[in-house]
PDB file of all heavy atoms in Angstrom:
ATOM      1  N   SER A   1       4.465  11.671   4.890  1.00  0.00           N
ATOM      2  CA  SER A   1       3.124  10.914   4.593  1.00  0.00           C
ATOM      3  C   SER A   1       3.268   9.942   3.503  1.00  0.00           C
ATOM      4  O   SER A   1       2.736   8.741   3.533  1.00  0.00           O
ATOM      5  CB  SER A   1       2.063  11.840   4.367  1.00  0.00           C
ATOM      6  OG  SER A   1       1.786  12.668   5.586  1.00  0.00           O
ATOM      7  N   ASP A   2       4.001  10.362   2.388  1.00  0.00           N
ATOM      8  CA  ASP A   2       3.929   9.462   1.216  1.00  0.00           C
ATOM      9  C   ASP A   2       4.855   8.280   1.540  1.00  0.00           C
ATOM     10  O   ASP A   2       4.554   7.161   1.238  1.00  0.00           O
ATOM     11  CB  ASP A   2       4.451  10.150   0.049  1.00  0.00           C
ATOM     12  CG  ASP A   2       3.623  11.309  -0.562  1.00  0.00           C
ATOM     13  OD1 ASP A   2       2.415  11.140  -0.226  1.00  0.00           O
ATOM     14  OD2 ASP A   2       4.112  12.189  -1.370  1.00  0.00           O
ATOM     15  N   THR A   3       5.890   8.496   2.193  1.00  0.00           N
ATOM     16  CA  THR A   3       6.862   7.463   2.651  1.00  0.00           C
ATOM     17  C   THR A   3       6.181   6.461   3.537  1.00  0.00           C
ATOM     18  O   THR A   3       6.298   5.151   3.367  1.00  0.00           O
ATOM     19  CB  THR A   3       8.266   8.027   3.369  1.00  0.00           C
ATOM     20  OG1 THR A   3       8.762   8.847   2.489  1.00  0.00           O
ATOM     21  CG2 THR A   3       8.966   6.937   3.802  1.00  0.00           C
ATOM     22  N   ASN A   4       5.334   6.918   4.478  1.00  0.00           N
ATOM     23  CA  ASN A   4       4.521   6.047   5.385  1.00  0.00           C
ATOM     24  C   ASN A   4       3.549   5.308   4.658  1.00  0.00           C
ATOM     25  O   ASN A   4       3.298   4.089   4.909  1.00  0.00           O
ATOM     26  CB  ASN A   4       3.958   6.980   6.486  1.00  0.00           C
ATOM     27  CG  ASN A   4       3.798   6.189   7.801  1.00  0.00           C
ATOM     28  OD1 ASN A   4       4.623   5.464   8.076  1.00  0.00           O
ATOM     29  ND2 ASN A   4       2.753   6.505   8.475  1.00  0.00           N
ATOM     30  N   TYR A   5       2.911   5.991   3.697  1.00  0.00           N
ATOM     31  CA  TYR A   5       1.806   5.216   2.821  1.00  0.00           C
ATOM     32  C   TYR A   5       2.501   4.063   2.031  1.00  0.00           C
ATOM     33  O   TYR A   5       2.027   2.925   2.078  1.00  0.00           O
ATOM     34  CB  TYR A   5       1.102   6.267   1.878  1.00  0.00           C
ATOM     35  CG  TYR A   5      -0.081   5.529   1.195  1.00  0.00           C
ATOM     36  CD1 TYR A   5      -1.263   5.862   1.822  1.00  0.00           C
ATOM     37  CD2 TYR A   5       0.034   4.759   0.086  1.00  0.00           C
ATOM     38  CE1 TYR A   5      -2.429   5.280   1.243  1.00  0.00           C
ATOM     39  CE2 TYR A   5      -1.083   4.317  -0.504  1.00  0.00           C
ATOM     40  CZ  TYR A   5      -2.361   4.557   0.069  1.00  0.00           C
ATOM     41  OH  TYR A   5      -3.506   4.056  -0.515  1.00  0.00           O
ATOM     42  N   ASN A   6       3.621   4.447   1.495  1.00  0.00           N
ATOM     43  CA  ASN A   6       4.362   3.392   0.673  1.00  0.00           C
ATOM     44  C   ASN A   6       4.789   2.165   1.712  1.00  0.00           C
ATOM     45  O   ASN A   6       4.903   1.001   1.175  1.00  0.00           O
ATOM     46  CB  ASN A   6       5.590   4.033   0.030  1.00  0.00           C
ATOM     47  CG  ASN A   6       5.112   4.864  -1.063  1.00  0.00           C
ATOM     48  OD1 ASN A   6       4.002   4.944  -1.372  1.00  0.00           O
ATOM     49  ND2 ASN A   6       6.070   5.715  -1.551  1.00  0.00           N
ATOM     50  N   ALA A   7       5.204   2.555   2.934  1.00  0.00           N
ATOM     51  CA  ALA A   7       5.557   1.452   3.917  1.00  0.00           C
ATOM     52  C   ALA A   7       4.335   0.743   4.170  1.00  0.00           C
ATOM     53  O   ALA A   7       4.422  -0.617   4.549  1.00  0.00           O
ATOM     54  CB  ALA A   7       6.191   2.170   5.192  1.00  0.00           C
ATOM     55  N   GLY A   8       3.158   1.290   4.210  1.00  0.00           N
ATOM     56  CA  GLY A   8       1.988   0.541   4.396  1.00  0.00           C
ATOM     57  C   GLY A   8       1.658  -0.380   3.304  1.00  0.00           C
ATOM     58  O   GLY A   8       1.241  -1.531   3.533  1.00  0.00           O
ATOM     59  N   ILE A   9       1.927  -0.051   2.084  1.00  0.00           N
ATOM     60  CA  ILE A   9       1.873  -1.038   0.948  1.00  0.00           C
ATOM     61  C   ILE A   9       2.833  -2.215   1.164  1.00  0.00           C
ATOM     62  O   ILE A   9       2.338  -3.304   0.945  1.00  0.00           O
ATOM     63  CB  ILE A   9       2.166  -0.195  -0.324  1.00  0.00           C
ATOM     64  CG1 ILE A   9       1.129   0.857  -0.567  1.00  0.00           C
ATOM     65  CG2 ILE A   9       2.309  -1.227  -1.531  1.00  0.00           C
ATOM     66  CD1 ILE A   9       1.509   1.753  -1.800  1.00  0.00           C
ATOM     67  N   ASP A  10       4.018  -1.846   1.565  1.00  0.00           N
ATOM     68  CA  ASP A  10       5.006  -2.848   1.838  1.00  0.00           C
ATOM     69  C   ASP A  10       4.472  -3.923   2.810  1.00  0.00           C
ATOM     70  O   ASP A  10       4.540  -5.169   2.761  1.00  0.00           O
ATOM     71  CB  ASP A  10       6.388  -2.428   2.134  1.00  0.00           C
ATOM     72  CG  ASP A  10       7.169  -1.899   1.000  1.00  0.00           C
ATOM     73  OD1 ASP A  10       6.903  -2.261  -0.068  1.00  0.00           O
ATOM     74  OD2 ASP A  10       7.909  -0.963   1.350  1.00  0.00           O
ATOM     75  N   PHE A  11       3.865  -3.359   3.926  1.00  0.00           N
ATOM     76  CA  PHE A  11       3.339  -4.141   5.031  1.00  0.00           C
ATOM     77  C   PHE A  11       2.361  -5.204   4.552  1.00  0.00           C
ATOM     78  O   PHE A  11       2.425  -6.339   4.795  1.00  0.00           O
ATOM     79  CB  PHE A  11       2.842  -3.255   6.148  1.00  0.00           C
ATOM     80  CG  PHE A  11       2.121  -4.075   7.260  1.00  0.00           C
ATOM     81  CD1 PHE A  11       2.782  -4.488   8.398  1.00  0.00           C
ATOM     82  CD2 PHE A  11       0.760  -4.345   7.193  1.00  0.00           C
ATOM     83  CE1 PHE A  11       2.241  -5.210   9.337  1.00  0.00           C
ATOM     84  CE2 PHE A  11       0.147  -4.973   8.141  1.00  0.00           C
ATOM     85  CZ  PHE A  11       0.850  -5.476   9.195  1.00  0.00           C
ATOM     86  N   VAL A  12       1.490  -4.679   3.731  1.00  0.00           N
ATOM     87  CA  VAL A  12       0.336  -5.622   3.192  1.00  0.00           C
ATOM     88  C   VAL A  12       0.937  -6.577   2.346  1.00  0.00           C
ATOM     89  O   VAL A  12       0.499  -7.794   2.433  1.00  0.00           O
ATOM     90  CB  VAL A  12      -0.664  -4.693   2.399  1.00  0.00           C
ATOM     91  CG1 VAL A  12      -1.541  -5.499   1.788  1.00  0.00           C
ATOM     92  CG2 VAL A  12      -1.489  -3.768   3.484  1.00  0.00           C
ATOM     93  N   MET A  13       1.804  -6.225   1.386  1.00  0.00           N
ATOM     94  CA  MET A  13       2.394  -7.104   0.472  1.00  0.00           C
ATOM     95  C   MET A  13       3.149  -8.295   1.092  1.00  0.00           C
ATOM     96  O   MET A  13       3.254  -9.399   0.578  1.00  0.00           O
ATOM     97  CB  MET A  13       3.170  -6.415  -0.580  1.00  0.00           C
ATOM     98  CG  MET A  13       2.449  -5.463  -1.488  1.00  0.00           C
ATOM     99  SD  MET A  13       1.135  -6.416  -2.519  1.00  0.00           S
ATOM    100  CE  MET A  13       0.415  -5.085  -3.335  1.00  0.00           C
ATOM    101  N   ASN A  14       3.760  -7.905   2.259  1.00  0.00           N
ATOM    102  CA  ASN A  14       4.534  -8.924   2.965  1.00  0.00           C
ATOM    103  C   ASN A  14       3.736  -9.822   3.788  1.00  0.00           C
ATOM    104  O   ASN A  14       4.327 -10.777   4.425  1.00  0.00           O
ATOM    105  CB  ASN A  14       5.601  -8.235   3.806  1.00  0.00           C
ATOM    106  CG  ASN A  14       6.772  -7.589   2.943  1.00  0.00           C
ATOM    107  OD1 ASN A  14       6.953  -7.800   1.886  1.00  0.00           O
ATOM    108  ND2 ASN A  14       7.260  -6.529   3.452  1.00  0.00           N
ATOM    109  N   HIS A  15       2.493  -9.526   3.954  1.00  0.00           N
ATOM    110  CA  HIS A  15       1.713 -10.361   4.797  1.00  0.00           C
ATOM    111  C   HIS A  15       0.335 -10.710   4.184  1.00  0.00           C
ATOM    112  O   HIS A  15      -0.678 -10.823   4.970  1.00  0.00           O
ATOM    113  CB  HIS A  15       1.396  -9.622   6.260  1.00  0.00           C
ATOM    114  CG  HIS A  15       2.730  -9.227   6.920  1.00  0.00           C
ATOM    115  ND1 HIS A  15       3.475 -10.241   7.627  1.00  0.00           N
ATOM    116  CD2 HIS A  15       3.332  -8.048   7.169  1.00  0.00           C
ATOM    117  CE1 HIS A  15       4.617  -9.558   7.998  1.00  0.00           C
ATOM    118  NE2 HIS A  15       4.438  -8.264   7.857  1.00  0.00           N
ATOM    119  N   LEU A  16       0.278 -11.050   3.020  1.00  0.00           N
ATOM    120  CA  LEU A  16      -1.015 -11.353   2.218  1.00  0.00           C
ATOM    121  C   LEU A  16      -1.574 -12.685   2.764  1.00  0.00           C
ATOM    122  O   LEU A  16      -2.809 -12.869   2.552  1.00  0.00           O
ATOM    123  CB  LEU A  16      -0.644 -11.426   0.869  1.00  0.00           C
ATOM    124  CG  LEU A  16      -0.477 -10.122   0.104  1.00  0.00           C
ATOM    125  CD1 LEU A  16      -0.102 -10.310  -1.411  1.00  0.00           C
ATOM    126  CD2 LEU A  16      -1.751  -9.143   0.103  1.00  0.00           C
ATOM    127  N   ASP A  17      -0.882 -13.492   3.488  1.00  0.00           N
ATOM    128  CA  ASP A  17      -1.479 -14.616   4.079  1.00  0.00           C
ATOM    129  C   ASP A  17      -2.557 -14.259   5.133  1.00  0.00           C
ATOM    130  O   ASP A  17      -3.526 -15.003   5.317  1.00  0.00           O
ATOM    131  CB  ASP A  17      -0.389 -15.497   4.674  1.00  0.00           C
ATOM    132  CG  ASP A  17       0.295 -14.844   5.921  1.00  0.00           C
ATOM    133  OD1 ASP A  17       0.678 -13.634   5.768  1.00  0.00           O
ATOM    134  OD2 ASP A  17       0.569 -15.460   6.929  1.00  0.00           O
ATOM    135  N   LYS A  18      -2.391 -13.185   5.826  1.00  0.00           N
ATOM    136  CA  LYS A  18      -3.242 -12.703   6.778  1.00  0.00           C
ATOM    137  C   LYS A  18      -4.014 -11.291   6.512  1.00  0.00           C
ATOM    138  O   LYS A  18      -5.055 -11.036   7.132  1.00  0.00           O
ATOM    139  CB  LYS A  18      -2.599 -12.533   8.093  1.00  0.00           C
ATOM    140  CG  LYS A  18      -2.364 -13.782   9.022  1.00  0.00           C
ATOM    141  CD  LYS A  18      -3.774 -14.314   9.517  1.00  0.00           C
ATOM    142  CE  LYS A  18      -3.547 -15.540  10.324  1.00  0.00           C
ATOM    143  NZ  LYS A  18      -4.869 -16.069  10.868  1.00  0.00           N
ATOM    144  N   VAL A  19      -3.465 -10.586   5.724  1.00  0.00           N
ATOM    145  CA  VAL A  19      -3.815  -9.241   5.518  1.00  0.00           C
ATOM    146  C   VAL A  19      -4.494  -8.887   4.086  1.00  0.00           C
ATOM    147  O   VAL A  19      -3.794  -9.230   3.159  1.00  0.00           O
ATOM    148  CB  VAL A  19      -2.776  -8.157   5.719  1.00  0.00           C
ATOM    149  CG1 VAL A  19      -3.246  -6.775   5.651  1.00  0.00           C
ATOM    150  CG2 VAL A  19      -2.112  -8.371   7.307  1.00  0.00           C
ATOM    151  N   SER A  20      -5.644  -8.343   3.973  1.00  0.00           N
ATOM    152  CA  SER A  20      -6.179  -7.912   2.756  1.00  0.00           C
ATOM    153  C   SER A  20      -6.092  -6.337   2.827  1.00  0.00           C
ATOM    154  O   SER A  20      -6.253  -5.816   3.874  1.00  0.00           O
ATOM    155  CB  SER A  20      -7.420  -8.412   2.481  1.00  0.00           C
ATOM    156  OG  SER A  20      -7.522  -9.803   2.304  1.00  0.00           O
ATOM    157  N   ALA A  21      -6.121  -5.582   1.682  1.00  0.00           N
ATOM    158  CA  ALA A  21      -6.092  -4.232   1.822  1.00  0.00           C
ATOM    159  C   ALA A  21      -6.941  -3.598   0.594  1.00  0.00           C
ATOM    160  O   ALA A  21      -6.974  -4.074  -0.546  1.00  0.00           O
ATOM    161  CB  ALA A  21      -4.719  -3.652   1.603  1.00  0.00           C
ATOM    162  N   PHE A  22      -7.687  -2.456   1.069  1.00  0.00           N
ATOM    163  CA  PHE A  22      -8.310  -1.533  -0.040  1.00  0.00           C
ATOM    164  C   PHE A  22      -7.500  -0.327   0.050  1.00  0.00           C
ATOM    165  O   PHE A  22      -7.380   0.349   0.938  1.00  0.00           O
ATOM    166  CB  PHE A  22      -9.665  -1.335   0.503  1.00  0.00           C
ATOM    167  CG  PHE A  22     -10.496  -0.437  -0.402  1.00  0.00           C
ATOM    168  CD1 PHE A  22     -11.514  -0.994  -1.373  1.00  0.00           C
ATOM    169  CD2 PHE A  22     -10.503   1.009  -0.293  1.00  0.00           C
ATOM    170  CE1 PHE A  22     -12.255  -0.052  -1.990  1.00  0.00           C
ATOM    171  CE2 PHE A  22     -11.190   1.744  -1.097  1.00  0.00           C
ATOM    172  CZ  PHE A  22     -12.103   1.297  -1.973  1.00  0.00           C
ATOM    173  N   PHE A  23      -6.697  -0.073  -1.071  1.00  0.00           N
ATOM    174  CA  PHE A  23      -5.936   1.067  -1.122  1.00  0.00           C
ATOM    175  C   PHE A  23      -6.641   2.326  -1.693  1.00  0.00           C
ATOM    176  O   PHE A  23      -6.946   2.406  -2.903  1.00  0.00           O
ATOM    177  CB  PHE A  23      -4.730   0.869  -2.173  1.00  0.00           C
ATOM    178  CG  PHE A  23      -3.744  -0.188  -1.493  1.00  0.00           C
ATOM    179  CD1 PHE A  23      -3.656  -1.373  -1.962  1.00  0.00           C
ATOM    180  CD2 PHE A  23      -2.856   0.145  -0.429  1.00  0.00           C
ATOM    181  CE1 PHE A  23      -2.822  -2.381  -1.452  1.00  0.00           C
ATOM    182  CE2 PHE A  23      -2.029  -0.839   0.123  1.00  0.00           C
ATOM    183  CZ  PHE A  23      -1.964  -2.104  -0.360  1.00  0.00           C
ATOM    184  N   GLY A  24      -7.060   3.086  -0.718  1.00  0.00           N
ATOM    185  CA  GLY A  24      -7.867   4.215  -1.167  1.00  0.00           C
ATOM    186  C   GLY A  24      -7.020   5.430  -1.322  1.00  0.00           C
ATOM    187  O   GLY A  24      -6.418   6.035  -0.361  1.00  0.00           O
ATOM    188  N   THR A  25      -6.807   5.814  -2.531  1.00  0.00           N
ATOM    189  CA  THR A  25      -5.900   6.954  -2.924  1.00  0.00           C
ATOM    190  C   THR A  25      -6.091   7.451  -4.296  1.00  0.00           C
ATOM    191  O   THR A  25      -6.634   6.886  -5.096  1.00  0.00           O
ATOM    192  CB  THR A  25      -4.475   6.237  -2.941  1.00  0.00           C
ATOM    193  OG1 THR A  25      -3.530   7.342  -3.273  1.00  0.00           O
ATOM    194  CG2 THR A  25      -4.299   5.276  -3.878  1.00  0.00           C
ATOM    195  N   HIS A  26      -5.928   8.702  -4.338  1.00  0.00           N
ATOM    196  CA  HIS A  26      -5.945   9.464  -5.622  1.00  0.00           C
ATOM    197  C   HIS A  26      -4.654   9.772  -6.029  1.00  0.00           C
ATOM    198  O   HIS A  26      -4.493  10.719  -6.994  1.00  0.00           O
ATOM    199  CB  HIS A  26      -6.850  10.831  -5.439  1.00  0.00           C
ATOM    200  CG  HIS A  26      -8.268  10.611  -5.115  1.00  0.00           C
ATOM    201  ND1 HIS A  26      -9.221  11.549  -5.233  1.00  0.00           N
ATOM    202  CD2 HIS A  26      -8.951   9.521  -4.676  1.00  0.00           C
ATOM    203  CE1 HIS A  26     -10.402  11.058  -4.921  1.00  0.00           C
ATOM    204  NE2 HIS A  26     -10.329   9.907  -4.505  1.00  0.00           N
ATOM    205  N   ASN A  27      -3.644   9.156  -5.560  1.00  0.00           N
ATOM    206  CA  ASN A  27      -2.254   9.451  -5.763  1.00  0.00           C
ATOM    207  C   ASN A  27      -1.792   8.440  -6.864  1.00  0.00           C
ATOM    208  O   ASN A  27      -1.813   7.268  -6.703  1.00  0.00           O
ATOM    209  CB  ASN A  27      -1.400   9.279  -4.530  1.00  0.00           C
ATOM    210  CG  ASN A  27       0.010   9.663  -4.807  1.00  0.00           C
ATOM    211  OD1 ASN A  27       0.740   8.998  -5.488  1.00  0.00           O
ATOM    212  ND2 ASN A  27       0.454  10.672  -4.181  1.00  0.00           N
ATOM    213  N   GLU A  28      -1.390   8.886  -7.986  1.00  0.00           N
ATOM    214  CA  GLU A  28      -1.159   8.084  -9.058  1.00  0.00           C
ATOM    215  C   GLU A  28       0.246   7.175  -8.866  1.00  0.00           C
ATOM    216  O   GLU A  28       0.339   6.049  -9.147  1.00  0.00           O
ATOM    217  CB  GLU A  28      -0.844   8.924 -10.396  1.00  0.00           C
ATOM    218  CG  GLU A  28      -2.232   9.479 -10.812  1.00  0.00           C
ATOM    219  CD  GLU A  28      -1.997  10.469 -11.935  1.00  0.00           C
ATOM    220  OE1 GLU A  28      -0.739  10.827 -12.332  1.00  0.00           O
ATOM    221  OE2 GLU A  28      -3.007  11.136 -12.468  1.00  0.00           O
ATOM    222  N   VAL A  29       1.154   7.915  -8.215  1.00  0.00           N
ATOM    223  CA  VAL A  29       2.420   7.125  -7.902  1.00  0.00           C
ATOM    224  C   VAL A  29       2.146   5.897  -6.844  1.00  0.00           C
ATOM    225  O   VAL A  29       2.610   4.868  -7.149  1.00  0.00           O
ATOM    226  CB  VAL A  29       3.374   8.264  -7.142  1.00  0.00           C
ATOM    227  CG1 VAL A  29       4.639   7.400  -6.823  1.00  0.00           C
ATOM    228  CG2 VAL A  29       3.745   9.155  -8.224  1.00  0.00           C
ATOM    229  N   SER A  30       1.268   6.208  -5.906  1.00  0.00           N
ATOM    230  CA  SER A  30       1.020   5.096  -4.984  1.00  0.00           C
ATOM    231  C   SER A  30       0.220   3.969  -5.698  1.00  0.00           C
ATOM    232  O   SER A  30       0.649   2.690  -5.464  1.00  0.00           O
ATOM    233  CB  SER A  30       0.119   5.648  -3.710  1.00  0.00           C
ATOM    234  OG  SER A  30       0.905   6.463  -3.047  1.00  0.00           O
ATOM    235  N   SER A  31      -0.651   4.331  -6.623  1.00  0.00           N
ATOM    236  CA  SER A  31      -1.418   3.339  -7.265  1.00  0.00           C
ATOM    237  C   SER A  31      -0.566   2.441  -8.115  1.00  0.00           C
ATOM    238  O   SER A  31      -0.598   1.229  -8.205  1.00  0.00           O
ATOM    239  CB  SER A  31      -2.444   3.964  -8.203  1.00  0.00           C
ATOM    240  OG  SER A  31      -3.410   4.684  -7.392  1.00  0.00           O
ATOM    241  N   GLU A  32       0.445   3.264  -8.804  1.00  0.00           N
ATOM    242  CA  GLU A  32       1.306   2.408  -9.657  1.00  0.00           C
ATOM    243  C   GLU A  32       2.299   1.590  -8.902  1.00  0.00           C
ATOM    244  O   GLU A  32       2.713   0.443  -9.308  1.00  0.00           O
ATOM    245  CB  GLU A  32       2.154   3.344 -10.479  1.00  0.00           C
ATOM    246  CG  GLU A  32       2.997   2.633 -11.741  1.00  0.00           C
ATOM    247  CD  GLU A  32       3.475   3.668 -12.725  1.00  0.00           C
ATOM    248  OE1 GLU A  32       3.251   4.906 -12.617  1.00  0.00           O
ATOM    249  OE2 GLU A  32       4.086   3.205 -13.684  1.00  0.00           O
ATOM    250  N   LEU A  33       2.642   2.084  -7.661  1.00  0.00           N
ATOM    251  CA  LEU A  33       3.625   1.178  -6.836  1.00  0.00           C
ATOM    252  C   LEU A  33       2.951  -0.111  -6.382  1.00  0.00           C
ATOM    253  O   LEU A  33       3.582  -1.195  -6.338  1.00  0.00           O
ATOM    254  CB  LEU A  33       3.996   2.055  -5.622  1.00  0.00           C
ATOM    255  CG  LEU A  33       4.890   1.452  -4.577  1.00  0.00           C
ATOM    256  CD1 LEU A  33       6.235   0.989  -5.233  1.00  0.00           C
ATOM    257  CD2 LEU A  33       5.112   2.315  -3.444  1.00  0.00           C
ATOM    258  N   VAL A  34       1.651   0.004  -6.032  1.00  0.00           N
ATOM    259  CA  VAL A  34       0.896  -1.242  -5.724  1.00  0.00           C
ATOM    260  C   VAL A  34       0.906  -2.185  -6.851  1.00  0.00           C
ATOM    261  O   VAL A  34       1.167  -3.413  -6.875  1.00  0.00           O
ATOM    262  CB  VAL A  34      -0.593  -0.914  -5.340  1.00  0.00           C
ATOM    263  CG1 VAL A  34      -1.365  -2.240  -4.975  1.00  0.00           C
ATOM    264  CG2 VAL A  34      -0.591  -0.001  -4.060  1.00  0.00           C
TER     265      VAL A  34
END
């Protein structure tokens, strides 16, 4: 699940011309990764 969430972060970051994201998470590692 964590790996998939991080892949979702990558997806957003690679397509910011079309995609905006609200990262809803209580996970500190994911927040720092963003």
